[in-house]
Protein backbone atom coordinates (compact mmCIF):
# COMPACT_ATOMS: atom_id res chain seq x y z
CA MET A 1 116.76 66.76 319.28
CA THR A 2 113.36 67.99 318.06
CA ALA A 3 113.14 71.76 317.69
CA ARG A 4 110.62 73.43 320.00
CA ILE A 5 108.68 76.02 318.03
CA LEU A 6 106.17 78.64 319.20
CA VAL A 7 103.87 80.41 316.74
CA VAL A 8 101.77 83.36 317.94
CA ASP A 9 99.20 84.95 315.62
CA ASP A 10 95.59 86.03 316.13
CA GLU A 11 94.61 84.51 312.72
CA THR A 12 93.76 80.86 313.29
CA THR A 13 93.88 80.10 309.57
CA PHE A 14 97.51 81.25 309.53
CA LEU A 15 98.31 79.11 312.57
CA ASP A 16 96.80 76.04 310.92
CA ALA A 17 98.72 76.63 307.69
CA VAL A 18 102.00 77.05 309.56
CA GLN A 19 101.45 73.89 311.58
CA ARG A 20 100.68 71.85 308.44
CA LYS A 21 103.81 73.08 306.68
CA LEU A 22 106.09 72.47 309.63
CA ARG A 23 104.71 68.97 310.14
CA MET A 24 105.35 68.21 306.47
CA VAL A 25 109.06 68.87 306.96
CA GLY A 26 109.32 66.88 310.17
CA HIS A 27 108.64 69.41 312.96
CA THR A 28 106.12 68.06 315.43
CA ALA A 29 106.89 70.04 318.61
CA VAL A 30 104.93 73.09 317.47
CA THR A 31 102.91 75.17 319.93
CA LEU A 32 100.21 77.46 318.47
CA GLU A 33 98.73 80.42 320.33
CA SER A 34 96.26 83.07 319.17
CA ASP A 35 96.49 85.02 322.45
CA PRO A 36 99.90 86.65 323.06
CA LEU A 37 99.33 86.79 326.83
CA VAL A 38 98.67 83.05 326.97
CA ALA A 39 101.77 82.50 324.85
CA LEU A 40 103.78 84.53 327.33
CA SER A 41 102.47 82.51 330.27
CA ARG A 42 103.72 79.32 328.60
CA LEU A 43 107.29 80.52 329.16
CA ASP A 44 106.81 79.86 332.87
CA THR A 45 106.92 76.13 332.19
CA GLN A 46 108.29 75.73 328.66
CA THR A 47 111.30 76.82 326.62
CA PHE A 48 111.34 77.34 322.86
CA ASP A 49 114.14 77.29 320.32
CA VAL A 50 112.32 79.50 317.78
CA ALA A 51 109.26 81.74 318.03
CA PHE A 52 107.28 83.19 315.11
CA LEU A 53 105.49 86.33 316.32
CA ASP A 54 102.85 88.34 314.49
CA VAL A 55 103.48 92.07 314.86
CA THR A 56 99.84 93.25 315.03
CA MET A 57 97.77 91.50 317.72
CA PRO A 58 95.20 92.51 320.36
CA GLY A 59 96.26 92.86 323.98
CA ILE A 60 99.98 93.36 323.44
CA ASP A 61 101.63 93.76 320.05
CA GLY A 62 104.39 91.61 318.66
CA LEU A 63 107.21 93.99 319.63
CA GLN A 64 106.09 94.02 323.26
CA LEU A 65 105.80 90.23 323.18
CA LEU A 66 109.29 90.03 321.65
CA GLU A 67 110.76 92.06 324.52
CA ARG A 68 109.05 89.95 327.18
CA ILE A 69 110.04 86.65 325.57
CA LEU A 70 113.70 87.67 325.33
CA GLU A 71 113.66 88.86 328.95
CA ARG A 72 112.59 85.38 330.04
CA SER A 73 114.34 83.30 327.37
CA PRO A 74 117.25 85.17 325.72
CA ALA A 75 118.28 82.09 323.71
CA THR A 76 114.96 81.91 321.81
CA ALA A 77 115.37 83.03 318.20
CA CYS A 78 112.38 85.26 317.47
CA VAL A 79 111.15 85.75 313.88
CA MET A 80 108.71 88.62 313.40
CA VAL A 81 105.82 88.21 310.94
CA THR A 82 104.26 91.38 309.55
CA ALA A 83 101.71 92.31 306.89
CA HIS A 84 103.68 95.46 305.99
CA ASP A 85 107.26 95.71 304.74
CA ASP A 86 108.00 98.70 306.98
CA ILE A 87 111.73 99.42 307.36
CA GLY A 88 111.13 101.42 310.53
CA LEU A 89 109.30 98.49 312.10
CA VAL A 90 112.04 96.09 311.03
CA MET A 91 114.71 98.31 312.58
CA ARG A 92 112.81 98.51 315.88
CA ALA A 93 112.40 94.74 315.94
CA THR A 94 116.08 94.04 315.26
CA ARG A 95 117.15 96.55 317.90
CA LEU A 96 114.96 94.71 320.39
CA GLY A 97 116.67 91.44 319.47
CA ALA A 98 114.58 89.86 316.68
CA PHE A 99 116.55 87.28 314.70
CA ASP A 100 114.64 87.64 311.41
CA TYR A 101 111.41 88.98 309.92
CA LEU A 102 108.95 87.77 307.28
CA VAL A 103 106.27 89.62 305.30
CA LYS A 104 102.80 88.16 304.73
CA PRO A 105 101.55 86.50 302.64
CA LEU A 106 104.16 83.84 303.24
CA GLN A 107 105.32 81.22 300.81
CA PRO A 108 105.86 77.87 302.57
CA ALA A 109 109.53 77.87 301.51
CA GLN A 110 110.07 81.25 303.20
CA LEU A 111 108.83 79.88 306.50
CA VAL A 112 111.04 76.79 306.33
CA ASP A 113 114.08 78.77 305.23
CA ALA A 114 113.67 81.22 308.12
CA LEU A 115 113.33 78.32 310.55
CA ASP A 116 116.40 76.60 309.08
CA ARG A 117 118.46 79.79 309.42
CA ALA A 118 117.42 80.31 313.04
CA LEU A 119 118.11 76.71 314.04
CA ALA A 120 121.40 76.56 312.15
CA HIS A 121 122.59 79.78 313.80
CA ARG A 122 121.62 78.55 317.23
CA ARG A 123 123.30 75.17 316.74
CA MET A 124 126.44 76.78 315.39
CA VAL A 125 126.79 79.12 318.36
CA GLU A 126 125.99 76.36 320.86
CA LEU A 127 128.40 73.86 319.28
CA LEU A 128 131.27 76.33 319.08
CA GLU A 129 130.72 77.51 322.63
CA VAL A 130 130.48 73.93 323.94
CA ARG A 131 133.56 72.90 322.00
CA ARG A 132 135.47 75.93 323.23
CA ALA A 133 134.39 75.34 326.83
CA GLU A 134 135.39 71.68 326.68
CA LEU A 135 138.79 72.45 325.16
CA VAL A 136 139.51 75.34 327.52
CA ASP A 137 138.52 73.32 330.59
CA ARG A 138 140.68 70.44 329.38
CA GLU A 139 143.72 72.57 328.56
CA LEU A 140 143.79 75.35 331.16
CA ASP A 141 143.87 75.46 334.95
CA HIS A 142 143.01 79.18 335.01
CA PRO A 143 140.94 79.94 331.87
CA GLU A 144 139.88 83.30 333.28
CA ALA A 145 143.42 84.63 332.76
CA PHE A 146 143.06 84.10 329.00
CA ALA A 147 139.35 84.90 328.68
CA GLU A 148 139.98 87.70 326.15
CA ILE A 149 141.51 85.20 323.70
CA LEU A 150 138.46 83.60 322.12
CA THR A 151 139.32 80.36 320.33
CA CYS A 152 138.23 76.80 319.75
CA ASP A 153 141.38 76.00 317.74
CA GLU A 154 143.34 73.18 319.36
CA ARG A 155 146.75 74.53 318.33
CA THR A 156 145.97 77.91 319.85
CA LEU A 157 144.68 76.26 323.02
CA ARG A 158 147.96 74.34 323.30
CA VAL A 159 149.79 77.66 323.05
CA LEU A 160 147.62 79.00 325.88
CA ARG A 161 148.49 75.95 327.97
CA GLU A 162 152.21 76.51 327.36
CA ALA A 163 151.76 80.19 328.22
CA GLU A 164 150.05 79.24 331.48
CA LEU A 165 152.96 76.95 332.39
CA HIS A 166 155.55 79.62 331.55
CA ALA A 167 153.58 82.14 333.63
CA ARG A 168 154.63 80.26 336.77
CA SER A 169 158.29 81.18 336.25
CA GLU A 170 160.22 84.43 335.86
CA ILE A 171 162.04 83.66 332.60
CA PRO A 172 161.51 85.99 329.61
CA VAL A 173 158.88 84.93 327.08
CA LEU A 174 159.02 85.65 323.34
CA ILE A 175 155.69 85.74 321.47
CA THR A 176 155.77 85.58 317.67
CA GLY A 177 153.00 85.87 315.11
CA GLU A 178 151.67 88.05 312.34
CA THR A 179 150.38 91.55 312.98
CA GLY A 180 146.94 91.51 314.57
CA VAL A 181 146.90 87.92 315.89
CA GLY A 182 146.68 88.99 319.55
CA LYS A 183 150.24 88.94 320.85
CA GLU A 184 149.56 91.62 323.46
CA LEU A 185 146.41 89.79 324.61
CA LEU A 186 148.54 86.68 325.15
CA ALA A 187 151.12 88.73 327.05
CA ARG A 188 148.39 90.11 329.30
CA GLY A 189 147.11 86.57 329.83
CA ILE A 190 150.57 85.45 330.97
CA HIS A 191 150.65 88.39 333.37
CA ARG A 192 147.22 87.53 334.80
CA ALA A 193 148.19 83.86 335.21
CA SER A 194 151.43 84.71 337.03
CA ALA A 195 152.26 85.50 340.63
CA ARG A 196 152.69 89.13 339.46
CA ARG A 197 149.01 89.48 338.51
CA ASP A 198 148.44 92.18 341.16
CA GLY A 199 151.35 94.26 339.82
CA PRO A 200 151.29 96.61 336.81
CA PHE A 201 151.35 95.54 333.18
CA VAL A 202 153.37 98.09 331.19
CA ALA A 203 153.36 97.86 327.38
CA VAL A 204 156.12 99.57 325.40
CA ASN A 205 156.27 99.72 321.62
CA MET A 206 159.96 99.50 320.80
CA LEU A 207 159.39 101.44 317.58
CA SER A 208 158.61 104.49 319.68
CA LEU A 209 162.00 104.48 321.43
CA SER A 210 164.61 106.67 319.73
CA SER A 211 168.33 106.15 320.36
CA SER A 212 168.64 109.56 322.04
CA LEU A 213 165.79 109.00 324.48
CA PHE A 214 166.05 105.24 325.11
CA GLU A 215 167.91 105.42 328.43
CA SER A 216 165.74 108.24 329.76
CA GLU A 217 162.48 106.50 328.78
CA PHE A 218 163.57 103.02 329.78
CA PHE A 219 165.73 103.66 332.86
CA GLY A 220 164.34 107.04 333.94
CA HIS A 221 166.40 110.08 334.83
CA ARG A 222 167.16 112.44 337.68
CA ARG A 223 166.48 116.13 337.70
CA GLY A 224 169.34 118.06 336.06
CA ALA A 225 170.75 114.98 334.32
CA PHE A 226 170.61 116.87 331.00
CA THR A 227 169.19 120.06 329.58
CA GLY A 228 165.42 119.99 329.99
CA ALA A 229 165.41 117.42 332.81
CA ILE A 230 163.56 119.69 335.23
CA ALA A 231 162.20 116.85 337.39
CA ASP A 232 162.87 113.20 338.20
CA LYS A 233 161.31 110.77 335.71
CA VAL A 234 160.37 107.18 336.45
CA GLY A 235 161.32 104.92 333.53
CA TYR A 236 159.46 101.92 332.18
CA LEU A 237 161.51 99.50 334.28
CA GLU A 238 160.44 101.13 337.52
CA GLN A 239 156.86 101.59 336.33
CA ALA A 240 156.65 97.82 335.80
CA GLY A 241 158.15 97.05 339.22
CA GLY A 242 156.46 93.98 340.70
CA GLY A 243 154.66 93.35 337.42
CA THR A 244 155.30 92.65 333.74
CA LEU A 245 157.08 94.75 331.10
CA PHE A 246 155.81 93.97 327.62
CA LEU A 247 158.27 94.82 324.85
CA ASP A 248 156.21 94.98 321.67
CA GLU A 249 157.88 94.80 318.24
CA ILE A 250 161.23 93.84 319.74
CA GLY A 251 162.54 93.11 316.23
CA ASP A 252 162.41 96.83 315.40
CA LEU A 253 164.74 97.88 318.25
CA PRO A 254 167.90 99.43 316.75
CA MET A 255 171.11 97.40 317.13
CA GLU A 256 172.78 100.01 319.35
CA LEU A 257 169.92 99.70 321.86
CA GLN A 258 169.75 95.92 321.84
CA GLY A 259 172.98 95.70 323.84
CA LYS A 260 171.57 97.92 326.59
CA LEU A 261 168.48 95.75 326.83
CA LEU A 262 170.63 92.62 326.90
CA ARG A 263 172.58 93.91 329.92
CA ILE A 264 169.35 94.37 331.85
CA LEU A 265 168.26 90.83 331.04
CA GLN A 266 171.64 89.39 332.01
CA GLU A 267 172.46 91.46 335.09
CA GLY A 268 169.01 92.45 336.32
CA GLU A 269 170.26 95.98 337.14
CA PHE A 270 169.90 99.45 335.66
CA THR A 271 170.98 102.98 336.57
CA PRO A 272 168.72 106.00 335.91
CA VAL A 273 170.37 108.74 333.86
CA GLY A 274 172.11 111.18 336.19
CA ASP A 275 172.20 108.72 339.10
CA THR A 276 175.21 106.79 340.40
CA ARG A 277 173.49 103.95 342.25
CA PRO A 278 172.40 100.91 340.25
CA ARG A 279 168.94 99.53 340.98
CA ARG A 280 167.49 96.06 340.75
CA ALA A 281 164.99 95.53 337.96
CA ASN A 282 161.89 93.89 339.40
CA ALA A 283 159.94 93.31 336.19
CA ARG A 284 159.13 90.15 334.27
CA PHE A 285 159.94 90.55 330.56
CA VAL A 286 157.60 89.44 327.77
CA ALA A 287 158.60 90.40 324.21
CA ALA A 288 156.70 90.13 320.93
CA THR A 289 157.45 90.49 317.24
CA HIS A 290 155.87 89.83 313.86
CA GLN A 291 159.33 89.40 312.33
CA ASP A 292 161.57 86.34 311.93
CA LEU A 293 164.28 87.12 314.46
CA ALA A 294 166.52 84.28 313.24
CA ALA A 295 166.46 85.82 309.76
CA LEU A 296 167.28 89.23 311.25
CA VAL A 297 170.24 87.66 313.07
CA ALA A 298 171.45 86.16 309.77
CA ASP A 299 171.18 89.62 308.17
CA GLY A 300 173.13 91.21 311.03
CA ARG A 301 170.13 93.27 312.22
CA PHE A 302 169.49 91.50 315.52
CA ARG A 303 171.90 90.32 318.19
CA LYS A 304 172.28 86.58 318.42
CA ASP A 305 172.93 86.71 322.17
CA LEU A 306 169.75 88.76 322.74
CA LEU A 307 167.70 86.27 320.71
CA TYR A 308 169.09 83.38 322.76
CA ARG A 309 168.25 85.24 325.94
CA LEU A 310 164.67 85.89 324.82
CA ARG A 311 163.67 82.59 323.29
CA PHE A 312 164.00 80.30 326.30
CA ALA A 313 160.21 80.32 326.21
CA GLN A 314 158.87 81.00 322.71
CA LEU A 315 155.18 80.97 321.83
CA SER A 316 153.85 81.29 318.29
CA LEU A 317 150.27 82.34 317.51
CA SER A 318 148.68 81.06 314.30
CA PRO A 319 147.19 83.51 311.78
CA LEU A 320 143.41 83.72 311.56
CA ARG A 321 143.32 82.07 308.11
CA GLU A 322 144.61 78.87 309.74
CA ARG A 323 141.88 78.78 312.40
CA ARG A 324 138.73 79.56 310.47
CA ASP A 325 136.40 78.03 313.09
CA ASP A 326 137.36 80.98 315.28
CA LEU A 327 135.92 83.40 312.71
CA ARG A 328 132.36 82.64 313.80
CA LEU A 329 133.12 82.97 317.51
CA LEU A 330 135.05 86.21 317.03
CA ALA A 331 132.50 87.73 314.65
CA ILE A 332 129.68 87.09 317.12
CA ARG A 333 131.71 88.57 319.99
CA PHE A 334 132.57 91.68 317.97
CA ILE A 335 128.90 92.13 317.01
CA GLN A 336 127.93 91.86 320.68
CA ARG A 337 130.51 94.51 321.57
CA SER A 338 129.63 96.82 318.68
CA ALA A 339 127.35 99.84 318.76
CA ARG A 340 124.55 97.57 317.45
CA PRO A 341 124.72 94.27 319.35
CA GLU A 342 121.30 93.20 318.04
CA VAL A 343 122.58 92.85 314.46
CA ARG A 344 122.85 89.31 313.09
CA LEU A 345 125.28 87.79 310.60
CA SER A 346 123.75 86.34 307.44
CA GLU A 347 124.87 82.96 306.13
CA ALA A 348 126.22 84.60 302.98
CA ALA A 349 128.26 87.08 305.02
CA GLU A 350 129.57 84.27 307.20
CA ALA A 351 130.67 82.39 304.07
CA ALA A 352 132.42 85.55 302.84
CA LEU A 353 134.27 85.86 306.14
CA VAL A 354 135.43 82.25 305.92
CA GLY A 355 136.60 82.80 302.33
CA HIS A 356 138.75 85.83 303.15
CA ASP A 357 142.46 85.38 304.01
CA TRP A 358 142.58 88.07 306.75
CA PRO A 359 146.08 89.52 306.31
CA GLY A 360 145.33 91.81 309.26
CA ASN A 361 144.07 88.87 311.33
CA VAL A 362 141.82 89.45 314.37
CA ARG A 363 142.41 93.21 314.35
CA GLU A 364 141.17 93.40 310.74
CA LEU A 365 138.16 91.20 311.51
CA ARG A 366 137.12 93.43 314.38
CA GLY A 367 137.23 96.55 312.22
CA VAL A 368 135.29 94.84 309.42
CA ILE A 369 132.56 93.58 311.76
CA GLU A 370 132.14 96.88 313.64
CA SER A 371 131.82 98.77 310.34
CA ALA A 372 129.44 96.19 308.87
CA ALA A 373 127.21 96.34 311.96
CA ASN A 374 126.79 100.08 311.38
CA LEU A 375 125.87 99.53 307.72
CA ALA A 376 123.35 96.71 308.26
CA GLU A 377 120.18 98.72 307.52
CA LYS A 378 117.75 95.88 308.20
CA GLY A 379 119.63 94.41 311.13
CA GLU A 380 121.37 91.73 309.06
CA ILE A 381 124.99 91.88 307.91
CA LEU A 382 125.21 91.01 304.22
CA PRO A 383 128.36 90.41 302.14
CA ARG A 384 128.19 93.91 300.65
CA HIS A 385 128.48 95.42 304.13
CA LEU A 386 131.82 93.74 304.83
CA GLY A 387 134.00 95.72 302.46
CA ILE A 388 136.25 92.73 301.70
CA PRO A 389 136.86 90.93 298.40
CA ILE A 390 134.20 88.25 297.97
CA LYS A 391 135.54 85.00 296.60
CA ARG A 392 132.91 83.39 294.43
CA ARG A 393 133.67 79.73 293.97
CA PRO A 394 130.69 77.92 292.42
CA VAL A 395 130.60 74.18 292.97
CA ASP A 396 131.93 72.52 289.84
CA ALA A 397 131.48 68.77 289.82
CA GLY A 398 134.37 68.44 287.41
CA ALA A 399 136.75 70.80 289.17
CA VAL A 400 140.02 69.24 290.23
CA ASP A 401 143.36 70.57 291.36
CA PRO A 402 146.64 69.79 289.50
CA HIS A 403 146.93 66.58 291.54
CA GLY A 404 143.52 65.32 290.44
CA LEU A 405 141.85 65.96 293.81
CA PRO A 406 138.29 67.38 293.97
CA PRO A 407 137.50 70.40 296.19
CA LEU A 408 136.07 69.79 299.68
CA ALA A 409 132.59 71.03 298.71
CA GLU A 410 132.42 68.41 295.96
CA VAL A 411 133.58 65.63 298.30
CA GLU A 412 130.83 66.62 300.74
CA ARG A 413 128.22 66.72 297.96
CA GLN A 414 129.14 63.26 296.69
CA HIS A 415 129.10 61.78 300.20
CA ILE A 416 125.71 63.27 301.10
CA LEU A 417 124.16 62.03 297.85
CA ARG A 418 125.63 58.53 298.31
CA VAL A 419 124.17 58.28 301.81
CA TYR A 420 120.83 59.66 300.56
CA GLU A 421 120.66 57.00 297.85
CA ALA A 422 121.87 54.22 300.19
CA THR A 423 119.04 54.98 302.63
CA GLN A 424 116.43 54.77 299.79
CA LYS A 425 116.02 58.57 299.99
CA ASN A 426 114.73 58.43 303.56
CA LYS A 427 115.70 61.89 304.77
CA THR A 428 115.36 61.11 308.48
CA HIS A 429 117.53 58.01 308.17
CA ALA A 430 120.07 59.78 305.94
CA ALA A 431 120.34 62.75 308.31
CA GLY A 432 120.98 60.35 311.20
CA VAL A 433 123.75 58.57 309.30
CA LEU A 434 125.34 61.89 308.31
CA GLY A 435 125.09 63.31 311.82
CA ILE A 436 123.18 66.41 310.71
CA SER A 437 119.60 67.63 311.18
CA VAL A 438 116.84 66.88 308.72
CA GLN A 439 116.54 70.63 308.09
CA THR A 440 120.23 70.86 307.15
CA LEU A 441 119.84 67.87 304.82
CA HIS A 442 116.83 69.55 303.18
CA ARG A 443 118.89 72.70 302.62
CA LYS A 444 121.81 70.72 301.17
CA LEU A 445 119.58 68.77 298.81
CA ARG A 446 117.91 71.97 297.59
CA ALA A 447 121.37 73.44 296.90
CA TYR A 448 122.20 70.30 294.89
CA ARG A 449 118.87 70.67 293.01
CA VAL A 450 117.59 67.36 294.36
CA SER A 451 113.82 67.48 294.80
């Protein structure tokens, strides 16, 4: 689809130059306005993908125009054009929601590159959101229960579907996965998708339970049951009555306490310390661990019968390095929820995120993005703001792995150039065959040093 572009500047010579350049690279749906108020009135009947706005204009200035455009059309990527490289002005513009800024006098390549970045960012967000919406709608009956788990990864969506099905029953669920992948979020999703959604969700980290206090914390106690028990205490089992009890890091529960937990799962009863009457446990159990429980059983550090009891319904969440498409979605969400939601992610920073292995998974990504948003002086997150090792892998046409296979970037390069040659170097035709925009093809060819 042709990009709809608005250019607002009180210098007609600049407008003419911009229009000529954009037409040269295939953009014909360009609207030029020298009066910012007239430009604003166009939004009553038209929508624009990208707007180039001069900062200094009569009537209303570019920052005021930026605010009004984004009020009416939040999806429009606005690029500010200024005659002065003023960091204070840039900061104000980015806080108001500007996508990018350019300093006059402009080189034609700067204009095209800024447009390419804005359109690529918009397409990426739209495609990921559409893909996610399609997959979620296809997989889930109640997507709102799992709304906090942002993914477009098909394996993860299948896990969510299984979780939704298990939520209909009362059997215990075991969630496995590396630290930081979102096991508690999945547990909360199961709770929200279950018939117990109106009851409490109580999360307990099993590492925090000592052998001496386990029964008191878990089962509760009666006043006078032991020295210091000056009042009745409601334990976790009663707190979770009618709801869900989430047992986090179940693999770290000491062996001597595993038997006590097993009895609750088998018999469904418990007795508070200092009481004589057993009570029915009315909590649904969901457990989670980052450890291999089967290996712990083999080492004699986890009860086989407890594992069998827990893994009737087992769900495994993939690490972030195996679902790299989710990086973009998650990074954008974390920027939007940061102290500076107007900050944007540069292409170089995005590439650095994709190249990182994320041993801390989603939790690590969130911390990295929130910190980087604070450090982005000009409203754009750059690789140096991320604080992660940057993997620099230049394209090497001769690079092969031990099996003689070229890297993916080289396969893509060869395919694009073959199509380009096969279409007699007709960029519009080649872009159509490749299924990409002409602007993306231009950018690829420049990277390959093809004029």
